[in-house]
C-alpha atoms as a PDB file:
ATOM      1  CA  MET A   1      10.167   5.001  -2.905  1.00  0.00           C
ATOM      2  CA  ILE A   2       8.010   7.320  -0.804  1.00  0.00           C
ATOM      3  CA  LEU A   3       4.964   8.801  -2.530  1.00  0.00           C
ATOM      4  CA  SER A   4       1.961  10.965  -1.743  1.00  0.00           C
ATOM      5  CA  PRO A   5      -1.592   9.938  -2.648  1.00  0.00           C
ATOM      6  CA  ALA A   6      -1.698  12.783  -5.194  1.00  0.00           C
ATOM      7  CA  VAL A   7       1.366  11.463  -7.031  1.00  0.00           C
ATOM      8  CA  ILE A   8       0.048   7.901  -6.965  1.00  0.00           C
ATOM      9  CA  ALA A   9      -3.343   9.076  -8.267  1.00  0.00           C
ATOM     10  CA  MET A  10      -1.726  10.991 -11.106  1.00  0.00           C
ATOM     11  CA  ASN A  11       0.273   7.937 -12.192  1.00  0.00           C
ATOM     12  CA  ILE A  12      -2.595   5.446 -12.115  1.00  0.00           C
ATOM     13  CA  GLU A  13      -5.337   7.783 -13.357  1.00  0.00           C
ATOM     14  CA  LYS A  14      -7.525   7.416 -10.253  1.00  0.00           C
ATOM     15  CA  SER A  15      -8.905  10.112  -7.987  1.00  0.00           C
ATOM     16  CA  ARG A  16      -6.934  11.134  -4.920  1.00  0.00           C
ATOM     17  CA  ASP A  17      -9.936  10.159  -2.762  1.00  0.00           C
ATOM     18  CA  GLU A  18      -9.940   6.646  -4.228  1.00  0.00           C
ATOM     19  CA  VAL A  19      -6.192   6.319  -3.666  1.00  0.00           C
ATOM     20  CA  ASN A  20      -6.597   7.500  -0.046  1.00  0.00           C
ATOM     21  CA  ARG A  21      -9.286   4.865   0.580  1.00  0.00           C
ATOM     22  CA  ARG A  22      -7.131   2.127  -0.910  1.00  0.00           C
ATOM     23  CA  LEU A  23      -4.034   3.238   0.990  1.00  0.00           C
ATOM     24  CA  SER A  24      -5.971   2.964   4.262  1.00  0.00           C
ATOM     25  CA  ILE A  25      -6.784  -0.658   3.452  1.00  0.00           C
ATOM     26  CA  LEU A  26      -3.201  -1.382   2.379  1.00  0.00           C
ATOM     27  CA  VAL A  27      -1.867   0.126   5.628  1.00  0.00           C
ATOM     28  CA  GLU A  28      -4.352  -1.962   7.632  1.00  0.00           C
ATOM     29  CA  HIS A  29      -3.010  -5.123   5.984  1.00  0.00           C
ATOM     30  CA  ASP A  30       0.655  -4.069   6.215  1.00  0.00           C
ATOM     31  CA  PHE A  31       1.267  -3.767   2.464  1.00  0.00           C
ATOM     32  CA  VAL A  32       2.249  -0.106   2.775  1.00  0.00           C
ATOM     33  CA  THR A  33       3.278   2.059   5.711  1.00  0.00           C
ATOM     34  CA  ARG A  34       2.667   5.711   6.447  1.00  0.00           C
ATOM     35  CA  VAL A  35       6.111   7.308   6.623  1.00  0.00           C
ATOM     36  CA  GLN A  36       4.786  10.696   7.691  1.00  0.00           C
ATOM     37  CA  ARG A  37       1.547  12.555   7.186  1.00  0.00           C
ATOM     38  CA  GLY A  38       0.597  12.285   3.525  1.00  0.00           C
ATOM     39  CA  TYR A  39       3.483  10.019   2.453  1.00  0.00           C
ATOM     40  CA  TYR A  40       3.510   6.255   2.048  1.00  0.00           C
ATOM     41  CA  GLU A  41       6.037   3.543   1.278  1.00  0.00           C
ATOM     42  CA  ILE A  42       5.592  -0.095   0.319  1.00  0.00           C
ATOM     43  CA  THR A  43       6.531  -2.570   3.062  1.00  0.00           C
ATOM     44  CA  GLU A  44       8.568  -5.748   2.737  1.00  0.00           C
ATOM     45  CA  ARG A  45       5.275  -7.660   2.877  1.00  0.00           C
ATOM     46  CA  GLY A  46       3.933  -5.516   0.011  1.00  0.00           C
ATOM     47  CA  GLN A  47       7.058  -6.125  -2.041  1.00  0.00           C
ATOM     48  CA  ARG A  48       6.763  -9.881  -1.449  1.00  0.00           C
ATOM     49  CA  TYR A  49       3.147  -9.760  -2.627  1.00  0.00           C
ATOM     50  CA  LEU A  50       4.107  -7.925  -5.822  1.00  0.00           C
ATOM     51  CA  THR A  51       6.823 -10.464  -6.636  1.00  0.00           C
ATOM     52  CA  GLY A  52       4.460 -13.390  -6.007  1.00  0.00           C
ATOM     53  CA  GLU A  53       6.278 -14.547  -2.871  1.00  0.00           C
ATOM     54  CA  PHE A  54       3.290 -13.857  -0.583  1.00  0.00           C
ATOM     55  CA  ASP A  55      -0.285 -15.098  -0.828  1.00  0.00           C
ATOM     56  CA  PRO A  56      -2.558 -12.838   1.247  1.00  0.00           C
ATOM     57  CA  SER A  57      -5.390 -15.390   1.167  1.00  0.00           C
ATOM     58  CA  ALA A  58      -3.205 -17.820   3.118  1.00  0.00           C
ATOM     59  CA  SER A  59      -2.691 -15.596   6.190  1.00  0.00           C
ATOM     60  CA  SER A  60      -4.235 -13.034   8.485  1.00  0.00           C
ATOM     61  CA  PRO A  61      -3.453  -9.298   8.019  1.00  0.00           C
ATOM     62  CA  THR A  62      -0.513  -9.331  10.437  1.00  0.00           C
ATOM     63  CA  ASP A  63       1.032 -12.721   9.566  1.00  0.00           C
ATOM     64  CA  GLU A  64       4.455 -12.710   7.934  1.00  0.00           C
END
């Protein structure tokens, strides 16, 4: 699923600015990727985190 910060913000009841800040951090740690300007998609690493298959405290930002 590819979403814009505005759509994400609307669905989680946060401001678009807050979502943009969080997305920057998630991109930095490879949990989401920027597909094109203004659109983001969860990465395999992000999906593994959500399913409990990945512990971010056990690795550096670029470890798989």
